[in-house]
Amino acid sequence: MNNSSPSLLIIDDDPLCHFIGKRIAMAFREDMKVLNFTSPVEALKFIENAGNIDVLTKPIAVFLDINMPEMNGWELLARLDIQDEKKR
């Protein structure tokens, strides 16, 4: 069985939210991996390139800013949902 640490995905254009999110995550689990993205486009590219990641390495939670300039959080969720449908 894979003993990888849990991970948290933070997608927000505000650096303070990244800092706070990481502090909260580390308060729960010291071994928590935190993946930070300041752009939803960067996050989407990362997720697309991750391919078939093992269930144990997928983030256990996502902190997502809904109000971002390039693409809002709702649009990102819609694109992720479309990708998920294509994999089924």
PDB file of N, CA and C in Angstrom:
ATOM      1  N   MET A   1       0.837  -1.188   0.000  1.00  0.00           N
ATOM      2  CA  MET A   1       0.000   0.000   0.000  1.00  0.00           C
ATOM      3  C   MET A   1       0.877   1.245   0.000  1.00  0.00           C
ATOM      4  N   ASN A   2       0.442   2.285  -0.664  1.00  0.00           N
ATOM      5  CA  ASN A   2       1.171   3.531  -0.767  1.00  0.00           C
ATOM      6  C   ASN A   2       1.033   4.321   0.530  1.00  0.00           C
ATOM      7  N   ASN A   3       2.151   4.766   1.084  1.00  0.00           N
ATOM      8  CA  ASN A   3       2.137   5.533   2.333  1.00  0.00           C
ATOM      9  C   ASN A   3       2.350   7.013   2.072  1.00  0.00           C
ATOM     10  N   SER A   4       1.887   7.510   0.940  1.00  0.00           N
ATOM     11  CA  SER A   4       2.109   8.914   0.613  1.00  0.00           C
ATOM     12  C   SER A   4       1.317   9.826   1.535  1.00  0.00           C
ATOM     13  N   SER A   5       1.841  11.020   1.701  1.00  0.00           N
ATOM     14  CA  SER A   5       1.188  12.014   2.547  1.00  0.00           C
ATOM     15  C   SER A   5      -0.035  12.572   1.840  1.00  0.00           C
ATOM     16  N   PRO A   6      -1.029  12.994   2.600  1.00  0.00           N
ATOM     17  CA  PRO A   6      -2.192  13.624   1.975  1.00  0.00           C
ATOM     18  C   PRO A   6      -1.784  14.978   1.396  1.00  0.00           C
ATOM     19  N   SER A   7      -2.551  15.436   0.416  1.00  0.00           N
ATOM     20  CA  SER A   7      -2.224  16.730  -0.190  1.00  0.00           C
ATOM     21  C   SER A   7      -3.445  17.633  -0.254  1.00  0.00           C
ATOM     22  N   LEU A   8      -3.157  18.916  -0.286  1.00  0.00           N
ATOM     23  CA  LEU A   8      -4.166  19.961  -0.373  1.00  0.00           C
ATOM     24  C   LEU A   8      -3.819  20.808  -1.582  1.00  0.00           C
ATOM     25  N   LEU A   9      -4.796  21.135  -2.389  1.00  0.00           N
ATOM     26  CA  LEU A   9      -4.605  21.965  -3.570  1.00  0.00           C
ATOM     27  C   LEU A   9      -5.215  23.335  -3.300  1.00  0.00           C
ATOM     28  N   ILE A  10      -4.375  24.388  -3.407  1.00  0.00           N
ATOM     29  CA  ILE A  10      -4.858  25.755  -3.194  1.00  0.00           C
ATOM     30  C   ILE A  10      -4.722  26.513  -4.512  1.00  0.00           C
ATOM     31  N   ILE A  11      -5.852  27.040  -4.999  1.00  0.00           N
ATOM     32  CA  ILE A  11      -5.861  27.814  -6.240  1.00  0.00           C
ATOM     33  C   ILE A  11      -6.455  29.180  -5.901  1.00  0.00           C
ATOM     34  N   ASP A  12      -5.584  30.180  -5.795  1.00  0.00           N
ATOM     35  CA  ASP A  12      -6.015  31.511  -5.382  1.00  0.00           C
ATOM     36  C   ASP A  12      -4.985  32.527  -5.847  1.00  0.00           C
ATOM     37  N   ASP A  13      -5.443  33.695  -6.278  1.00  0.00           N
ATOM     38  CA  ASP A  13      -4.505  34.724  -6.731  1.00  0.00           C
ATOM     39  C   ASP A  13      -4.003  35.600  -5.585  1.00  0.00           C
ATOM     40  N   ASP A  14      -4.415  35.326  -4.365  1.00  0.00           N
ATOM     41  CA  ASP A  14      -3.993  36.082  -3.185  1.00  0.00           C
ATOM     42  C   ASP A  14      -2.982  35.262  -2.376  1.00  0.00           C
ATOM     43  N   PRO A  15      -1.728  35.716  -2.290  1.00  0.00           N
ATOM     44  CA  PRO A  15      -0.697  34.969  -1.555  1.00  0.00           C
ATOM     45  C   PRO A  15      -1.051  34.731  -0.083  1.00  0.00           C
ATOM     46  N   LEU A  16      -1.807  35.643   0.513  1.00  0.00           N
ATOM     47  CA  LEU A  16      -2.199  35.475   1.915  1.00  0.00           C
ATOM     48  C   LEU A  16      -3.064  34.220   2.091  1.00  0.00           C
ATOM     49  N   CYS A  17      -3.914  33.936   1.133  1.00  0.00           N
ATOM     50  CA  CYS A  17      -4.753  32.733   1.202  1.00  0.00           C
ATOM     51  C   CYS A  17      -3.905  31.465   1.140  1.00  0.00           C
ATOM     52  N   HIS A  18      -2.816  31.514   0.376  1.00  0.00           N
ATOM     53  CA  HIS A  18      -1.902  30.367   0.322  1.00  0.00           C
ATOM     54  C   HIS A  18      -1.246  30.155   1.679  1.00  0.00           C
ATOM     55  N   PHE A  19      -0.811  31.244   2.288  1.00  0.00           N
ATOM     56  CA  PHE A  19      -0.165  31.166   3.594  1.00  0.00           C
ATOM     57  C   PHE A  19      -1.121  30.605   4.644  1.00  0.00           C
ATOM     58  N   ILE A  20      -2.327  31.147   4.690  1.00  0.00           N
ATOM     59  CA  ILE A  20      -3.321  30.712   5.671  1.00  0.00           C
ATOM     60  C   ILE A  20      -3.726  29.260   5.428  1.00  0.00           C
ATOM     61  N   GLY A  21      -3.959  28.904   4.175  1.00  0.00           N
ATOM     62  CA  GLY A  21      -4.336  27.529   3.837  1.00  0.00           C
ATOM     63  C   GLY A  21      -3.281  26.533   4.251  1.00  0.00           C
ATOM     64  N   LYS A  22      -2.022  26.877   4.005  1.00  0.00           N
ATOM     65  CA  LYS A  22      -0.933  25.974   4.383  1.00  0.00           C
ATOM     66  C   LYS A  22      -0.846  25.833   5.899  1.00  0.00           C
ATOM     67  N   ARG A  23      -0.997  26.920   6.613  1.00  0.00           N
ATOM     68  CA  ARG A  23      -0.945  26.873   8.084  1.00  0.00           C
ATOM     69  C   ARG A  23      -2.076  26.002   8.646  1.00  0.00           C
ATOM     70  N   ILE A  24      -3.263  26.136   8.091  1.00  0.00           N
ATOM     71  CA  ILE A  24      -4.402  25.327   8.541  1.00  0.00           C
ATOM     72  C   ILE A  24      -4.131  23.850   8.255  1.00  0.00           C
ATOM     73  N   ALA A  25      -3.668  23.569   7.051  1.00  0.00           N
ATOM     74  CA  ALA A  25      -3.396  22.173   6.673  1.00  0.00           C
ATOM     75  C   ALA A  25      -2.332  21.558   7.580  1.00  0.00           C
ATOM     76  N   MET A  26      -1.273  22.295   7.843  1.00  0.00           N
ATOM     77  CA  MET A  26      -0.180  21.786   8.675  1.00  0.00           C
ATOM     78  C   MET A  26      -0.625  21.603  10.124  1.00  0.00           C
ATOM     79  N   ALA A  27      -1.629  22.351  10.557  1.00  0.00           N
ATOM     80  CA  ALA A  27      -2.143  22.185  11.920  1.00  0.00           C
ATOM     81  C   ALA A  27      -2.839  20.829  12.060  1.00  0.00           C
ATOM     82  N   PHE A  28      -3.422  20.344  10.984  1.00  0.00           N
ATOM     83  CA  PHE A  28      -4.083  19.043  11.008  1.00  0.00           C
ATOM     84  C   PHE A  28      -3.120  17.896  10.781  1.00  0.00           C
ATOM     85  N   ARG A  29      -2.209  18.064   9.822  1.00  0.00           N
ATOM     86  CA  ARG A  29      -1.236  17.017   9.488  1.00  0.00           C
ATOM     87  C   ARG A  29       0.093  17.663   9.153  1.00  0.00           C
ATOM     88  N   GLU A  30       1.108  17.365   9.923  1.00  0.00           N
ATOM     89  CA  GLU A  30       2.427  17.949   9.662  1.00  0.00           C
ATOM     90  C   GLU A  30       3.013  17.486   8.332  1.00  0.00           C
ATOM     91  N   ASP A  31       2.603  16.301   7.879  1.00  0.00           N
ATOM     92  CA  ASP A  31       3.144  15.772   6.623  1.00  0.00           C
ATOM     93  C   ASP A  31       2.293  16.132   5.404  1.00  0.00           C
ATOM     94  N   MET A  32       1.357  17.055   5.578  1.00  0.00           N
ATOM     95  CA  MET A  32       0.476  17.464   4.483  1.00  0.00           C
ATOM     96  C   MET A  32       1.284  18.138   3.376  1.00  0.00           C
ATOM     97  N   LYS A  33       1.085  17.690   2.149  1.00  0.00           N
ATOM     98  CA  LYS A  33       1.686  18.332   0.983  1.00  0.00           C
ATOM     99  C   LYS A  33       0.707  19.390   0.496  1.00  0.00           C
ATOM    100  N   VAL A  34       1.203  20.592   0.273  1.00  0.00           N
ATOM    101  CA  VAL A  34       0.347  21.679  -0.198  1.00  0.00           C
ATOM    102  C   VAL A  34       0.822  22.103  -1.581  1.00  0.00           C
ATOM    103  N   LEU A  35      -0.085  22.009  -2.559  1.00  0.00           N
ATOM    104  CA  LEU A  35       0.211  22.426  -3.934  1.00  0.00           C
ATOM    105  C   LEU A  35      -0.451  23.780  -4.153  1.00  0.00           C
ATOM    106  N   ASN A  36       0.358  24.794  -4.436  1.00  0.00           N
ATOM    107  CA  ASN A  36      -0.141  26.164  -4.589  1.00  0.00           C
ATOM    108  C   ASN A  36      -0.128  26.597  -6.047  1.00  0.00           C
ATOM    109  N   PHE A  37      -1.219  27.207  -6.463  1.00  0.00           N
ATOM    110  CA  PHE A  37      -1.304  27.796  -7.798  1.00  0.00           C
ATOM    111  C   PHE A  37      -1.945  29.171  -7.662  1.00  0.00           C
ATOM    112  N   THR A  38      -1.335  30.174  -8.301  1.00  0.00           N
ATOM    113  CA  THR A  38      -1.916  31.518  -8.268  1.00  0.00           C
ATOM    114  C   THR A  38      -2.816  31.762  -9.476  1.00  0.00           C
ATOM    115  N   SER A  39      -2.834  30.802 -10.387  1.00  0.00           N
ATOM    116  CA  SER A  39      -3.635  30.931 -11.602  1.00  0.00           C
ATOM    117  C   SER A  39      -4.428  29.649 -11.839  1.00  0.00           C
ATOM    118  N   PRO A  40      -5.718  29.777 -12.126  1.00  0.00           N
ATOM    119  CA  PRO A  40      -6.507  28.584 -12.439  1.00  0.00           C
ATOM    120  C   PRO A  40      -6.033  27.912 -13.730  1.00  0.00           C
ATOM    121  N   VAL A  41      -5.479  28.701 -14.651  1.00  0.00           N
ATOM    122  CA  VAL A  41      -4.964  28.136 -15.898  1.00  0.00           C
ATOM    123  C   VAL A  41      -3.764  27.229 -15.596  1.00  0.00           C
ATOM    124  N   GLU A  42      -2.854  27.693 -14.727  1.00  0.00           N
ATOM    125  CA  GLU A  42      -1.708  26.870 -14.323  1.00  0.00           C
ATOM    126  C   GLU A  42      -2.177  25.591 -13.631  1.00  0.00           C
ATOM    127  N   ALA A  43      -3.154  25.732 -12.753  1.00  0.00           N
ATOM    128  CA  ALA A  43      -3.676  24.572 -12.025  1.00  0.00           C
ATOM    129  C   ALA A  43      -4.287  23.561 -12.997  1.00  0.00           C
ATOM    130  N   LEU A  44      -5.044  24.050 -13.959  1.00  0.00           N
ATOM    131  CA  LEU A  44      -5.679  23.173 -14.944  1.00  0.00           C
ATOM    132  C   LEU A  44      -4.625  22.423 -15.763  1.00  0.00           C
ATOM    133  N   LYS A  45      -3.576  23.125 -16.181  1.00  0.00           N
ATOM    134  CA  LYS A  45      -2.488  22.476 -16.924  1.00  0.00           C
ATOM    135  C   LYS A  45      -1.832  21.395 -16.078  1.00  0.00           C
ATOM    136  N   PHE A  46      -1.598  21.702 -14.799  1.00  0.00           N
ATOM    137  CA  PHE A  46      -0.980  20.724 -13.900  1.00  0.00           C
ATOM    138  C   PHE A  46      -1.869  19.487 -13.773  1.00  0.00           C
ATOM    139  N   ILE A  47      -3.156  19.709 -13.570  1.00  0.00           N
ATOM    140  CA  ILE A  47      -4.093  18.597 -13.395  1.00  0.00           C
ATOM    141  C   ILE A  47      -4.191  17.771 -14.677  1.00  0.00           C
ATOM    142  N   GLU A  48      -4.227  18.448 -15.830  1.00  0.00           N
ATOM    143  CA  GLU A  48      -4.288  17.736 -17.113  1.00  0.00           C
ATOM    144  C   GLU A  48      -3.043  16.882 -17.326  1.00  0.00           C
ATOM    145  N   ASN A  49      -1.877  17.408 -16.959  1.00  0.00           N
ATOM    146  CA  ASN A  49      -0.613  16.696 -17.153  1.00  0.00           C
ATOM    147  C   ASN A  49      -0.386  15.608 -16.116  1.00  0.00           C
ATOM    148  N   ALA A  50      -1.137  15.662 -15.027  1.00  0.00           N
ATOM    149  CA  ALA A  50      -0.969  14.649 -13.979  1.00  0.00           C
ATOM    150  C   ALA A  50      -1.460  13.288 -14.464  1.00  0.00           C
ATOM    151  N   GLY A  51      -2.365  13.294 -15.449  1.00  0.00           N
ATOM    152  CA  GLY A  51      -2.864  12.037 -16.013  1.00  0.00           C
ATOM    153  C   GLY A  51      -3.610  11.200 -15.000  1.00  0.00           C
ATOM    154  N   ASN A  52      -3.359   9.921 -15.024  1.00  0.00           N
ATOM    155  CA  ASN A  52      -4.033   8.993 -14.122  1.00  0.00           C
ATOM    156  C   ASN A  52      -3.266   8.895 -12.808  1.00  0.00           C
ATOM    157  N   ILE A  53      -3.506   9.837 -11.917  1.00  0.00           N
ATOM    158  CA  ILE A  53      -2.809   9.807 -10.637  1.00  0.00           C
ATOM    159  C   ILE A  53      -3.477   8.780  -9.732  1.00  0.00           C
ATOM    160  N   ASP A  54      -2.670   8.174  -8.939  1.00  0.00           N
ATOM    161  CA  ASP A  54      -3.147   7.214  -7.946  1.00  0.00           C
ATOM    162  C   ASP A  54      -4.112   7.923  -6.994  1.00  0.00           C
ATOM    163  N   VAL A  55      -5.177   7.249  -6.616  1.00  0.00           N
ATOM    164  CA  VAL A  55      -6.184   7.832  -5.719  1.00  0.00           C
ATOM    165  C   VAL A  55      -5.546   8.346  -4.437  1.00  0.00           C
ATOM    166  N   LEU A  56      -4.523   7.681  -3.954  1.00  0.00           N
ATOM    167  CA  LEU A  56      -3.895   8.093  -2.701  1.00  0.00           C
ATOM    168  C   LEU A  56      -3.088   9.373  -2.841  1.00  0.00           C
ATOM    169  N   THR A  57      -2.743   9.768  -4.049  1.00  0.00           N
ATOM    170  CA  THR A  57      -1.976  10.995  -4.223  1.00  0.00           C
ATOM    171  C   THR A  57      -2.858  12.177  -4.630  1.00  0.00           C
ATOM    172  N   LYS A  58      -4.130  11.934  -4.886  1.00  0.00           N
ATOM    173  CA  LYS A  58      -5.034  13.029  -5.222  1.00  0.00           C
ATOM    174  C   LYS A  58      -5.251  13.900  -3.991  1.00  0.00           C
ATOM    175  N   PRO A  59      -5.474  15.191  -4.182  1.00  0.00           N
ATOM    176  CA  PRO A  59      -5.719  16.070  -3.036  1.00  0.00           C
ATOM    177  C   PRO A  59      -6.953  15.627  -2.254  1.00  0.00           C
ATOM    178  N   ILE A  60      -6.857  15.736  -0.941  1.00  0.00           N
ATOM    179  CA  ILE A  60      -8.014  15.398  -0.114  1.00  0.00           C
ATOM    180  C   ILE A  60      -8.974  16.579  -0.036  1.00  0.00           C
ATOM    181  N   ALA A  61      -8.469  17.774  -0.400  1.00  0.00           N
ATOM    182  CA  ALA A  61      -9.312  18.967  -0.406  1.00  0.00           C
ATOM    183  C   ALA A  61      -8.738  19.986  -1.379  1.00  0.00           C
ATOM    184  N   VAL A  62      -9.607  20.876  -1.840  1.00  0.00           N
ATOM    185  CA  VAL A  62      -9.191  21.953  -2.737  1.00  0.00           C
ATOM    186  C   VAL A  62      -9.744  23.256  -2.178  1.00  0.00           C
ATOM    187  N   PHE A  63      -8.858  24.232  -1.972  1.00  0.00           N
ATOM    188  CA  PHE A  63      -9.272  25.594  -1.630  1.00  0.00           C
ATOM    189  C   PHE A  63      -9.268  26.359  -2.941  1.00  0.00           C
ATOM    190  N   LEU A  64     -10.430  26.815  -3.377  1.00  0.00           N
ATOM    191  CA  LEU A  64     -10.557  27.433  -4.693  1.00  0.00           C
ATOM    192  C   LEU A  64     -11.189  28.810  -4.585  1.00  0.00           C
ATOM    193  N   ASP A  65     -10.468  29.812  -5.084  1.00  0.00           N
ATOM    194  CA  ASP A  65     -10.989  31.175  -5.156  1.00  0.00           C
ATOM    195  C   ASP A  65     -11.995  31.229  -6.302  1.00  0.00           C
ATOM    196  N   ILE A  66     -13.141  31.750  -6.052  1.00  0.00           N
ATOM    197  CA  ILE A  66     -14.179  31.829  -7.079  1.00  0.00           C
ATOM    198  C   ILE A  66     -13.987  33.061  -7.961  1.00  0.00           C
ATOM    199  N   ASN A  67     -13.335  34.088  -7.432  1.00  0.00           N
ATOM    200  CA  ASN A  67     -13.187  35.361  -8.123  1.00  0.00           C
ATOM    201  C   ASN A  67     -11.743  35.601  -8.551  1.00  0.00           C
ATOM    202  N   MET A  68     -11.366  35.135  -9.744  1.00  0.00           N
ATOM    203  CA  MET A  68     -10.011  35.329 -10.259  1.00  0.00           C
ATOM    204  C   MET A  68     -10.089  35.921 -11.656  1.00  0.00           C
ATOM    205  N   PRO A  69      -9.051  36.655 -12.071  1.00  0.00           N
ATOM    206  CA  PRO A  69      -9.129  37.382 -13.345  1.00  0.00           C
ATOM    207  C   PRO A  69      -9.132  36.524 -14.616  1.00  0.00           C
ATOM    208  N   GLU A  70      -8.253  35.540 -14.740  1.00  0.00           N
ATOM    209  CA  GLU A  70      -8.147  34.787 -15.995  1.00  0.00           C
ATOM    210  C   GLU A  70      -9.344  33.885 -16.244  1.00  0.00           C
ATOM    211  N   MET A  71      -9.742  33.202 -15.198  1.00  0.00           N
ATOM    212  CA  MET A  71     -10.835  32.225 -15.262  1.00  0.00           C
ATOM    213  C   MET A  71     -11.375  32.134 -13.841  1.00  0.00           C
ATOM    214  N   ASN A  72     -12.671  32.224 -13.678  1.00  0.00           N
ATOM    215  CA  ASN A  72     -13.162  32.155 -12.307  1.00  0.00           C
ATOM    216  C   ASN A  72     -13.245  30.696 -11.837  1.00  0.00           C
ATOM    217  N   GLY A  73     -13.441  30.528 -10.556  1.00  0.00           N
ATOM    218  CA  GLY A  73     -13.462  29.194  -9.969  1.00  0.00           C
ATOM    219  C   GLY A  73     -14.560  28.303 -10.518  1.00  0.00           C
ATOM    220  N   TRP A  74     -15.691  28.909 -10.849  1.00  0.00           N
ATOM    221  CA  TRP A  74     -16.805  28.117 -11.405  1.00  0.00           C
ATOM    222  C   TRP A  74     -16.432  27.547 -12.769  1.00  0.00           C
ATOM    223  N   GLU A  75     -15.753  28.363 -13.585  1.00  0.00           N
ATOM    224  CA  GLU A  75     -15.310  27.888 -14.905  1.00  0.00           C
ATOM    225  C   GLU A  75     -14.300  26.745 -14.759  1.00  0.00           C
ATOM    226  N   LEU A  76     -13.398  26.890 -13.795  1.00  0.00           N
ATOM    227  CA  LEU A  76     -12.417  25.833 -13.561  1.00  0.00           C
ATOM    228  C   LEU A  76     -13.110  24.539 -13.156  1.00  0.00           C
ATOM    229  N   LEU A  77     -14.070  24.631 -12.249  1.00  0.00           N
ATOM    230  CA  LEU A  77     -14.812  23.434 -11.838  1.00  0.00           C
ATOM    231  C   LEU A  77     -15.539  22.795 -13.016  1.00  0.00           C
ATOM    232  N   ALA A  78     -16.119  23.619 -13.883  1.00  0.00           N
ATOM    233  CA  ALA A  78     -16.819  23.087 -15.056  1.00  0.00           C
ATOM    234  C   ALA A  78     -15.849  22.351 -15.973  1.00  0.00           C
ATOM    235  N   ARG A  79     -14.671  22.897 -16.176  1.00  0.00           N
ATOM    236  CA  ARG A  79     -13.680  22.239 -17.040  1.00  0.00           C
ATOM    237  C   ARG A  79     -13.198  20.933 -16.416  1.00  0.00           C
ATOM    238  N   LEU A  80     -13.013  20.939 -15.116  1.00  0.00           N
ATOM    239  CA  LEU A  80     -12.593  19.704 -14.449  1.00  0.00           C
ATOM    240  C   LEU A  80     -13.681  18.648 -14.539  1.00  0.00           C
ATOM    241  N   ASP A  81     -14.935  19.066 -14.444  1.00  0.00           N
ATOM    242  CA  ASP A  81     -16.048  18.132 -14.551  1.00  0.00           C
ATOM    243  C   ASP A  81     -16.105  17.525 -15.949  1.00  0.00           C
ATOM    244  N   ILE A  82     -15.864  18.332 -16.978  1.00  0.00           N
ATOM    245  CA  ILE A  82     -15.850  17.847 -18.360  1.00  0.00           C
ATOM    246  C   ILE A  82     -14.734  16.824 -18.537  1.00  0.00           C
ATOM    247  N   GLN A  83     -13.551  17.099 -17.982  1.00  0.00           N
ATOM    248  CA  GLN A  83     -12.437  16.169 -18.090  1.00  0.00           C
ATOM    249  C   GLN A  83     -12.767  14.861 -17.390  1.00  0.00           C
ATOM    250  N   ASP A  84     -13.412  14.955 -16.242  1.00  0.00           N
ATOM    251  CA  ASP A  84     -13.780  13.755 -15.500  1.00  0.00           C
ATOM    252  C   ASP A  84     -14.760  12.906 -16.304  1.00  0.00           C
ATOM    253  N   GLU A  85     -15.705  13.552 -16.983  1.00  0.00           N
ATOM    254  CA  GLU A  85     -16.666  12.828 -17.811  1.00  0.00           C
ATOM    255  C   GLU A  85     -15.974  12.113 -18.972  1.00  0.00           C
ATOM    256  N   LYS A  86     -14.955  12.748 -19.562  1.00  0.00           N
ATOM    257  CA  LYS A  86     -14.233  12.143 -20.682  1.00  0.00           C
ATOM    258  C   LYS A  86     -13.481  10.893 -20.252  1.00  0.00           C
ATOM    259  N   LYS A  87     -13.032  10.848 -19.004  1.00  0.00           N
ATOM    260  CA  LYS A  87     -12.272   9.686 -18.507  1.00  0.00           C
ATOM    261  C   LYS A  87     -13.160   8.488 -18.238  1.00  0.00           C
ATOM    262  N   ARG A  88     -14.448   8.718 -18.060  1.00  0.00           N
ATOM    263  CA  ARG A  88     -15.371   7.613 -17.719  1.00  0.00           C
ATOM    264  C   ARG A  88     -15.726   6.798 -18.897  1.00  0.00           C
TER     265      ARG A  88
END
